[in-house]
Amino acid sequence: MVSFSGDIIQVGQALKESKPEPTGELEISLVNLWSSLKELHAYCNEPHVEKSQLGAYHFPRLLKGLWQLPYPAWGSGTAEEQRTGLARLIESGLTAADMAGHYPAPAIGDQVYAATKWCVFGPVGHPITTEWVLAQVKECCRRFGGQVELPQFHWSDCFDIINMWGSWTEFQGLLAVLSAVAREHGLVLTNVVRRWFLQQPVAGAVIVGTRLGVAAHGDENVEVFGFELEDSDLATINAVPLGGGP
């Protein structure tokens, strides 16, 4: 890029010194050059999606949660709107999806990953045994034709997680701190949360809910890869669960 920039400067200087005839052809060439430079500038300044490695696979550190496919109660677009929305996410580099059940995602193209999930949303009514867990994993494999690279497990809901972490008042205090950090840096609060998770050593990726055809927020979500939280930001956020926050 440094060499390329130097070439552009030399071209500009040569035009200035040679004083060519201002023809229509020259004008078109200069307009095309300027348009190409603007596209290059936009490309160089757009966030590039970070990747995690799992075995032989490299996938984005942000997975789109496609839970609406089996559970459309919170809104869902038409089939065409969903296909278009998913294609846009893939074009932006978000090529991995988190599924809310044992079913394969539609084949869209190469290097598109769909993570299946075993979901338990309430008491199972019997002891949790090795045999029972193994039976669930085998069922997952059966539905996928005999092989699953990465089965996930989910057993809880959002409000359960909040209650395990602290009180509702404490949760509101955490939101206030996150909001202050977001305002200070001109960021979206949700991206501050995602970035905090991504900067934890144990975090491989973050799952973000998506309603295809309704609210995908693909461009906004990709912006999480365009910044890092400073040590002071992390300390401010971490102080809340450690007892130093509001």
C-alpha atoms as a PDB file:
ATOM      1  CA  MET A   1       0.000   0.000   0.000  1.00  0.00           C
ATOM      2  CA  VAL A   2       2.873   2.394   0.737  1.00  0.00           C
ATOM      3  CA  SER A   3       4.372   1.728  -2.695  1.00  0.00           C
ATOM      4  CA  PHE A   4       0.956   2.132  -4.320  1.00  0.00           C
ATOM      5  CA  SER A   5       0.405   5.479  -2.576  1.00  0.00           C
ATOM      6  CA  GLY A   6       3.774   6.669  -3.834  1.00  0.00           C
ATOM      7  CA  ASP A   7       2.808   5.737  -7.397  1.00  0.00           C
ATOM      8  CA  ILE A   8      -0.418   7.746  -7.120  1.00  0.00           C
ATOM      9  CA  ILE A   9       1.512  10.792  -5.925  1.00  0.00           C
ATOM     10  CA  GLN A  10       3.923  10.475  -8.855  1.00  0.00           C
ATOM     11  CA  VAL A  11       1.029  10.215 -11.316  1.00  0.00           C
ATOM     12  CA  GLY A  12      -0.531  13.352  -9.884  1.00  0.00           C
ATOM     13  CA  GLN A  13       2.763  15.222 -10.071  1.00  0.00           C
ATOM     14  CA  ALA A  14       3.305  14.089 -13.668  1.00  0.00           C
ATOM     15  CA  LEU A  15      -0.144  15.360 -14.662  1.00  0.00           C
ATOM     16  CA  LYS A  16       0.538  18.668 -12.973  1.00  0.00           C
ATOM     17  CA  GLU A  17       3.877  19.171 -14.720  1.00  0.00           C
ATOM     18  CA  SER A  18       2.872  17.902 -18.179  1.00  0.00           C
ATOM     19  CA  LYS A  19      -0.316  20.009 -18.286  1.00  0.00           C
ATOM     20  CA  PRO A  20      -2.186  17.686 -20.686  1.00  0.00           C
ATOM     21  CA  GLU A  21      -5.002  18.889 -22.892  1.00  0.00           C
ATOM     22  CA  PRO A  22      -8.254  18.842 -20.829  1.00  0.00           C
ATOM     23  CA  THR A  23     -10.111  16.431 -23.084  1.00  0.00           C
ATOM     24  CA  GLY A  24     -13.269  14.510 -22.300  1.00  0.00           C
ATOM     25  CA  GLU A  25     -11.314  11.260 -22.386  1.00  0.00           C
ATOM     26  CA  LEU A  26      -8.895  12.536 -19.724  1.00  0.00           C
ATOM     27  CA  GLU A  27     -11.798  13.657 -17.551  1.00  0.00           C
ATOM     28  CA  ILE A  28     -13.418  10.218 -17.732  1.00  0.00           C
ATOM     29  CA  SER A  29     -10.114   8.537 -16.827  1.00  0.00           C
ATOM     30  CA  LEU A  30      -9.618  10.802 -13.815  1.00  0.00           C
ATOM     31  CA  VAL A  31     -13.204  10.273 -12.620  1.00  0.00           C
ATOM     32  CA  ASN A  32     -12.764   6.494 -12.877  1.00  0.00           C
ATOM     33  CA  LEU A  33      -9.468   6.702 -10.994  1.00  0.00           C
ATOM     34  CA  TRP A  34     -11.065   8.757  -8.221  1.00  0.00           C
ATOM     35  CA  SER A  35     -13.959   6.300  -7.958  1.00  0.00           C
ATOM     36  CA  SER A  36     -11.539   3.368  -7.663  1.00  0.00           C
ATOM     37  CA  LEU A  37      -9.537   5.158  -4.973  1.00  0.00           C
ATOM     38  CA  LYS A  38     -12.688   5.788  -2.930  1.00  0.00           C
ATOM     39  CA  GLU A  39     -13.632   2.107  -3.151  1.00  0.00           C
ATOM     40  CA  LEU A  40     -10.115   1.144  -2.060  1.00  0.00           C
ATOM     41  CA  HIS A  41     -10.305   3.551   0.876  1.00  0.00           C
ATOM     42  CA  ALA A  42     -13.644   2.088   1.973  1.00  0.00           C
ATOM     43  CA  TYR A  43     -12.276  -1.459   1.717  1.00  0.00           C
ATOM     44  CA  CYS A  44      -9.159  -0.661   3.744  1.00  0.00           C
ATOM     45  CA  ASN A  45     -11.183   0.992   6.501  1.00  0.00           C
ATOM     46  CA  GLU A  46     -13.989  -1.538   6.872  1.00  0.00           C
ATOM     47  CA  PRO A  47     -13.733  -3.994   9.792  1.00  0.00           C
ATOM     48  CA  HIS A  48     -12.313  -7.382   8.859  1.00  0.00           C
ATOM     49  CA  VAL A  49     -14.009 -10.348  10.469  1.00  0.00           C
ATOM     50  CA  GLU A  50     -11.855 -12.096  13.072  1.00  0.00           C
ATOM     51  CA  LYS A  51     -11.638 -15.886  12.899  1.00  0.00           C
ATOM     52  CA  SER A  52     -11.342 -18.725  15.414  1.00  0.00           C
ATOM     53  CA  GLN A  53      -9.872 -22.130  14.676  1.00  0.00           C
ATOM     54  CA  LEU A  54     -11.533 -25.378  15.650  1.00  0.00           C
ATOM     55  CA  GLY A  55      -9.608 -28.323  14.303  1.00  0.00           C
ATOM     56  CA  ALA A  56      -9.327 -27.858  10.556  1.00  0.00           C
ATOM     57  CA  TYR A  57     -12.019 -25.175  10.470  1.00  0.00           C
ATOM     58  CA  HIS A  58     -11.678 -21.391  10.596  1.00  0.00           C
ATOM     59  CA  PHE A  59     -14.949 -19.637  11.334  1.00  0.00           C
ATOM     60  CA  PRO A  60     -15.978 -16.073  12.306  1.00  0.00           C
ATOM     61  CA  ARG A  61     -15.788 -15.112  15.970  1.00  0.00           C
ATOM     62  CA  LEU A  62     -19.376 -13.915  15.661  1.00  0.00           C
ATOM     63  CA  LEU A  63     -22.086 -16.489  14.980  1.00  0.00           C
ATOM     64  CA  LYS A  64     -25.568 -15.495  13.918  1.00  0.00           C
ATOM     65  CA  GLY A  65     -28.249 -17.158  16.018  1.00  0.00           C
ATOM     66  CA  LEU A  66     -30.956 -18.462  13.683  1.00  0.00           C
ATOM     67  CA  TRP A  67     -33.331 -19.549  16.443  1.00  0.00           C
ATOM     68  CA  GLN A  68     -36.257 -17.925  14.630  1.00  0.00           C
ATOM     69  CA  LEU A  69     -36.305 -20.729  12.065  1.00  0.00           C
ATOM     70  CA  PRO A  70     -38.029 -23.197  14.428  1.00  0.00           C
ATOM     71  CA  TYR A  71     -39.378 -20.529  16.819  1.00  0.00           C
ATOM     72  CA  PRO A  72     -40.834 -17.588  14.805  1.00  0.00           C
ATOM     73  CA  ALA A  73     -42.940 -16.200  17.673  1.00  0.00           C
ATOM     74  CA  TRP A  74     -40.872 -12.979  17.874  1.00  0.00           C
ATOM     75  CA  GLY A  75     -41.303 -12.128  14.215  1.00  0.00           C
ATOM     76  CA  SER A  76     -40.174 -13.622  10.953  1.00  0.00           C
ATOM     77  CA  GLY A  77     -39.818 -12.467   7.364  1.00  0.00           C
ATOM     78  CA  THR A  78     -41.022 -14.276   4.280  1.00  0.00           C
ATOM     79  CA  ALA A  79     -38.972 -17.147   2.873  1.00  0.00           C
ATOM     80  CA  GLU A  80     -37.516 -14.824   0.229  1.00  0.00           C
ATOM     81  CA  GLU A  81     -36.691 -12.140   2.821  1.00  0.00           C
ATOM     82  CA  GLN A  82     -34.946 -14.742   4.963  1.00  0.00           C
ATOM     83  CA  ARG A  83     -32.882 -16.040   2.039  1.00  0.00           C
ATOM     84  CA  THR A  84     -31.906 -12.491   1.076  1.00  0.00           C
ATOM     85  CA  GLY A  85     -31.028 -11.597   4.667  1.00  0.00           C
ATOM     86  CA  LEU A  86     -28.884 -14.694   5.113  1.00  0.00           C
ATOM     87  CA  ALA A  87     -27.079 -14.042   1.829  1.00  0.00           C
ATOM     88  CA  ARG A  88     -26.249 -10.492   2.967  1.00  0.00           C
ATOM     89  CA  LEU A  89     -24.804 -11.775   6.235  1.00  0.00           C
ATOM     90  CA  ILE A  90     -22.610 -14.219   4.333  1.00  0.00           C
ATOM     91  CA  GLU A  91     -21.437 -11.464   1.974  1.00  0.00           C
ATOM     92  CA  SER A  92     -20.388  -9.391   5.003  1.00  0.00           C
ATOM     93  CA  GLY A  93     -18.199 -12.266   6.217  1.00  0.00           C
ATOM     94  CA  LEU A  94     -20.558 -13.672   8.868  1.00  0.00           C
ATOM     95  CA  THR A  95     -20.490 -17.209   7.510  1.00  0.00           C
ATOM     96  CA  ALA A  96     -21.328 -19.152  10.686  1.00  0.00           C
ATOM     97  CA  ALA A  97     -24.742 -19.724  12.250  1.00  0.00           C
ATOM     98  CA  ASP A  98     -25.959 -21.133  15.543  1.00  0.00           C
ATOM     99  CA  MET A  99     -29.007 -23.369  15.153  1.00  0.00           C
ATOM    100  CA  ALA A 100     -31.615 -24.006  17.862  1.00  0.00           C
ATOM    101  CA  GLY A 101     -32.023 -27.716  17.363  1.00  0.00           C
ATOM    102  CA  HIS A 102     -30.807 -30.843  15.602  1.00  0.00           C
ATOM    103  CA  TYR A 103     -31.342 -29.878  11.998  1.00  0.00           C
ATOM    104  CA  PRO A 104     -28.976 -28.941   9.176  1.00  0.00           C
ATOM    105  CA  ALA A 105     -28.915 -25.478   7.654  1.00  0.00           C
ATOM    106  CA  PRO A 106     -29.774 -25.091   3.956  1.00  0.00           C
ATOM    107  CA  ALA A 107     -26.796 -25.475   1.655  1.00  0.00           C
ATOM    108  CA  ILE A 108     -25.780 -21.964   0.633  1.00  0.00           C
ATOM    109  CA  GLY A 109     -22.158 -22.296  -0.411  1.00  0.00           C
ATOM    110  CA  ASP A 110     -18.698 -23.433   0.578  1.00  0.00           C
ATOM    111  CA  GLN A 111     -17.220 -22.428   3.941  1.00  0.00           C
ATOM    112  CA  VAL A 112     -20.590 -21.732   5.555  1.00  0.00           C
ATOM    113  CA  TYR A 113     -20.856 -23.278   9.015  1.00  0.00           C
ATOM    114  CA  ALA A 114     -23.975 -24.260  10.952  1.00  0.00           C
ATOM    115  CA  ALA A 115     -23.567 -25.333  14.584  1.00  0.00           C
ATOM    116  CA  THR A 116     -26.299 -27.685  15.777  1.00  0.00           C
ATOM    117  CA  LYS A 117     -27.529 -27.496  19.358  1.00  0.00           C
ATOM    118  CA  TRP A 118     -29.172 -29.756  21.908  1.00  0.00           C
ATOM    119  CA  CYS A 119     -31.605 -27.512  23.787  1.00  0.00           C
ATOM    120  CA  VAL A 120     -33.231 -28.266  27.138  1.00  0.00           C
ATOM    121  CA  PHE A 121     -35.661 -25.562  28.260  1.00  0.00           C
ATOM    122  CA  GLY A 122     -36.925 -27.048  31.506  1.00  0.00           C
ATOM    123  CA  PRO A 123     -36.763 -29.950  33.971  1.00  0.00           C
ATOM    124  CA  VAL A 124     -36.318 -33.334  32.289  1.00  0.00           C
ATOM    125  CA  GLY A 125     -38.195 -35.245  34.997  1.00  0.00           C
ATOM    126  CA  HIS A 126     -35.563 -37.904  35.615  1.00  0.00           C
ATOM    127  CA  PRO A 127     -31.906 -38.221  36.709  1.00  0.00           C
ATOM    128  CA  ILE A 128     -29.251 -36.979  34.281  1.00  0.00           C
ATOM    129  CA  THR A 129     -27.239 -40.070  33.402  1.00  0.00           C
ATOM    130  CA  THR A 130     -24.403 -40.754  30.994  1.00  0.00           C
ATOM    131  CA  GLU A 131     -26.673 -43.082  29.049  1.00  0.00           C
ATOM    132  CA  TRP A 132     -29.340 -40.397  28.635  1.00  0.00           C
ATOM    133  CA  VAL A 133     -26.831 -37.791  27.423  1.00  0.00           C
ATOM    134  CA  LEU A 134     -25.251 -40.279  25.011  1.00  0.00           C
ATOM    135  CA  ALA A 135     -28.685 -41.115  23.608  1.00  0.00           C
ATOM    136  CA  GLN A 136     -29.306 -37.425  22.851  1.00  0.00           C
ATOM    137  CA  VAL A 137     -25.952 -37.086  21.081  1.00  0.00           C
ATOM    138  CA  LYS A 138     -26.642 -40.230  19.044  1.00  0.00           C
ATOM    139  CA  GLU A 139     -30.005 -38.793  18.009  1.00  0.00           C
ATOM    140  CA  CYS A 140     -28.233 -35.648  16.846  1.00  0.00           C
ATOM    141  CA  CYS A 141     -25.825 -37.756  14.777  1.00  0.00           C
ATOM    142  CA  ARG A 142     -28.705 -39.763  13.307  1.00  0.00           C
ATOM    143  CA  ARG A 143     -30.479 -36.629  12.103  1.00  0.00           C
ATOM    144  CA  PHE A 144     -27.280 -35.413  10.460  1.00  0.00           C
ATOM    145  CA  GLY A 145     -26.583 -38.661   8.683  1.00  0.00           C
ATOM    146  CA  GLY A 146     -24.051 -40.109  11.095  1.00  0.00           C
ATOM    147  CA  GLN A 147     -21.563 -37.309  11.831  1.00  0.00           C
ATOM    148  CA  VAL A 148     -21.583 -34.033  13.770  1.00  0.00           C
ATOM    149  CA  GLU A 149     -18.426 -31.943  14.073  1.00  0.00           C
ATOM    150  CA  LEU A 150     -19.553 -29.815  17.032  1.00  0.00           C
ATOM    151  CA  PRO A 151     -22.760 -30.426  19.005  1.00  0.00           C
ATOM    152  CA  GLN A 152     -23.659 -27.597  21.400  1.00  0.00           C
ATOM    153  CA  PHE A 153     -25.612 -27.802  24.625  1.00  0.00           C
ATOM    154  CA  HIS A 154     -28.067 -25.230  26.003  1.00  0.00           C
ATOM    155  CA  TRP A 155     -29.998 -25.577  29.248  1.00  0.00           C
ATOM    156  CA  SER A 156     -31.432 -22.367  30.702  1.00  0.00           C
ATOM    157  CA  ASP A 157     -33.020 -19.106  29.611  1.00  0.00           C
ATOM    158  CA  CYS A 158     -31.974 -15.468  29.711  1.00  0.00           C
ATOM    159  CA  PHE A 159     -33.744 -14.560  32.948  1.00  0.00           C
ATOM    160  CA  ASP A 160     -32.278 -17.628  34.703  1.00  0.00           C
ATOM    161  CA  ILE A 161     -28.800 -16.412  33.746  1.00  0.00           C
ATOM    162  CA  ILE A 162     -29.483 -12.916  35.101  1.00  0.00           C
ATOM    163  CA  ASN A 163     -30.734 -14.322  38.413  1.00  0.00           C
ATOM    164  CA  MET A 164     -27.670 -16.548  38.728  1.00  0.00           C
ATOM    165  CA  TRP A 165     -25.379 -13.552  38.157  1.00  0.00           C
ATOM    166  CA  GLY A 166     -27.100 -11.099  40.507  1.00  0.00           C
ATOM    167  CA  SER A 167     -30.247  -9.105  41.164  1.00  0.00           C
ATOM    168  CA  TRP A 168     -32.214  -7.164  38.576  1.00  0.00           C
ATOM    169  CA  THR A 169     -30.971  -3.917  40.154  1.00  0.00           C
ATOM    170  CA  GLU A 170     -27.363  -5.055  39.809  1.00  0.00           C
ATOM    171  CA  PHE A 171     -28.012  -5.949  36.192  1.00  0.00           C
ATOM    172  CA  GLN A 172     -29.327  -2.427  35.544  1.00  0.00           C
ATOM    173  CA  GLY A 173     -26.151  -1.057  37.132  1.00  0.00           C
ATOM    174  CA  LEU A 174     -24.066  -3.110  34.719  1.00  0.00           C
ATOM    175  CA  LEU A 175     -26.090  -1.779  31.783  1.00  0.00           C
ATOM    176  CA  ALA A 176     -25.447   1.788  32.988  1.00  0.00           C
ATOM    177  CA  VAL A 177     -21.683   1.177  33.025  1.00  0.00           C
ATOM    178  CA  LEU A 178     -21.757  -0.414  29.564  1.00  0.00           C
ATOM    179  CA  SER A 179     -23.811   2.503  28.250  1.00  0.00           C
ATOM    180  CA  ALA A 180     -21.280   5.009  29.618  1.00  0.00           C
ATOM    181  CA  VAL A 181     -18.384   3.184  27.928  1.00  0.00           C
ATOM    182  CA  ALA A 182     -20.327   3.082  24.657  1.00  0.00           C
ATOM    183  CA  ARG A 183     -21.074   6.831  24.760  1.00  0.00           C
ATOM    184  CA  GLU A 184     -17.452   7.695  25.553  1.00  0.00           C
ATOM    185  CA  HIS A 185     -16.195   5.930  22.425  1.00  0.00           C
ATOM    186  CA  GLY A 186     -19.177   6.547  20.144  1.00  0.00           C
ATOM    187  CA  LEU A 187     -20.077   2.857  20.037  1.00  0.00           C
ATOM    188  CA  VAL A 188     -23.249   0.800  20.148  1.00  0.00           C
ATOM    189  CA  LEU A 189     -23.811  -0.677  23.619  1.00  0.00           C
ATOM    190  CA  THR A 190     -24.334  -4.183  22.268  1.00  0.00           C
ATOM    191  CA  ASN A 191     -20.973  -4.053  20.492  1.00  0.00           C
ATOM    192  CA  VAL A 192     -19.289  -3.068  23.755  1.00  0.00           C
ATOM    193  CA  VAL A 193     -20.740  -6.233  25.297  1.00  0.00           C
ATOM    194  CA  ARG A 194     -19.628  -8.379  22.353  1.00  0.00           C
ATOM    195  CA  ARG A 195     -16.145  -6.861  22.347  1.00  0.00           C
ATOM    196  CA  TRP A 196     -15.775  -7.504  26.079  1.00  0.00           C
ATOM    197  CA  PHE A 197     -16.529 -11.185  25.514  1.00  0.00           C
ATOM    198  CA  LEU A 198     -14.231 -11.414  22.489  1.00  0.00           C
ATOM    199  CA  GLN A 199     -11.349 -10.002  24.533  1.00  0.00           C
ATOM    200  CA  GLN A 200     -11.670 -12.752  27.143  1.00  0.00           C
ATOM    201  CA  PRO A 201      -8.931 -15.397  26.679  1.00  0.00           C
ATOM    202  CA  VAL A 202     -11.429 -18.271  26.889  1.00  0.00           C
ATOM    203  CA  ALA A 203     -13.874 -16.840  24.324  1.00  0.00           C
ATOM    204  CA  GLY A 204     -13.714 -18.337  20.862  1.00  0.00           C
ATOM    205  CA  ALA A 205     -16.814 -16.627  19.491  1.00  0.00           C
ATOM    206  CA  VAL A 206     -19.990 -14.751  20.404  1.00  0.00           C
ATOM    207  CA  ILE A 207     -23.517 -15.730  19.323  1.00  0.00           C
ATOM    208  CA  VAL A 208     -25.843 -12.875  18.320  1.00  0.00           C
ATOM    209  CA  GLY A 209     -29.562 -13.384  17.758  1.00  0.00           C
ATOM    210  CA  THR A 210     -30.863 -12.632  14.264  1.00  0.00           C
ATOM    211  CA  ARG A 211     -34.362 -12.384  12.822  1.00  0.00           C
ATOM    212  CA  LEU A 212     -33.860 -12.781   9.084  1.00  0.00           C
ATOM    213  CA  GLY A 213     -36.076 -10.444   7.114  1.00  0.00           C
ATOM    214  CA  VAL A 214     -36.934  -8.501  10.277  1.00  0.00           C
ATOM    215  CA  ALA A 215     -33.785  -7.331  12.086  1.00  0.00           C
ATOM    216  CA  ALA A 216     -30.415  -8.806  11.077  1.00  0.00           C
ATOM    217  CA  HIS A 217     -28.112  -5.858  12.020  1.00  0.00           C
ATOM    218  CA  GLY A 218     -25.301  -7.410   9.987  1.00  0.00           C
ATOM    219  CA  ASP A 219     -23.394  -4.184   9.235  1.00  0.00           C
ATOM    220  CA  GLU A 220     -23.671  -3.037  12.847  1.00  0.00           C
ATOM    221  CA  ASN A 221     -22.496  -6.380  14.208  1.00  0.00           C
ATOM    222  CA  VAL A 222     -19.422  -6.502  11.958  1.00  0.00           C
ATOM    223  CA  GLU A 223     -18.291  -3.199  13.494  1.00  0.00           C
ATOM    224  CA  VAL A 224     -17.333  -5.149  16.628  1.00  0.00           C
ATOM    225  CA  PHE A 225     -14.181  -6.189  14.760  1.00  0.00           C
ATOM    226  CA  GLY A 226     -13.176  -2.572  14.151  1.00  0.00           C
ATOM    227  CA  PHE A 227     -12.080  -1.697  17.689  1.00  0.00           C
ATOM    228  CA  GLU A 228     -10.772  -3.059  20.983  1.00  0.00           C
ATOM    229  CA  LEU A 229     -11.685  -1.987  24.487  1.00  0.00           C
ATOM    230  CA  GLU A 230      -8.894  -0.256  26.379  1.00  0.00           C
ATOM    231  CA  ASP A 231      -7.571  -1.646  29.650  1.00  0.00           C
ATOM    232  CA  SER A 232      -9.371   1.145  31.514  1.00  0.00           C
ATOM    233  CA  ASP A 233     -12.665   0.180  29.847  1.00  0.00           C
ATOM    234  CA  LEU A 234     -12.214  -3.456  30.807  1.00  0.00           C
ATOM    235  CA  ALA A 235     -11.378  -2.482  34.381  1.00  0.00           C
ATOM    236  CA  THR A 236     -14.486  -0.288  34.621  1.00  0.00           C
ATOM    237  CA  ILE A 237     -16.742  -3.064  33.342  1.00  0.00           C
ATOM    238  CA  ASN A 238     -15.078  -5.797  35.405  1.00  0.00           C
ATOM    239  CA  ALA A 239     -15.463  -3.736  38.578  1.00  0.00           C
ATOM    240  CA  VAL A 240     -19.246  -4.262  38.536  1.00  0.00           C
ATOM    241  CA  PRO A 241     -19.322  -8.030  39.237  1.00  0.00           C
ATOM    242  CA  LEU A 242     -16.343  -7.606  41.568  1.00  0.00           C
ATOM    243  CA  GLY A 243     -18.264  -5.167  43.739  1.00  0.00           C
ATOM    244  CA  GLY A 244     -16.741  -1.889  42.594  1.00  0.00           C
ATOM    245  CA  GLY A 245     -19.506  -0.727  40.275  1.00  0.00           C
ATOM    246  CA  PRO A 246     -22.827   1.045  40.850  1.00  0.00           C
END
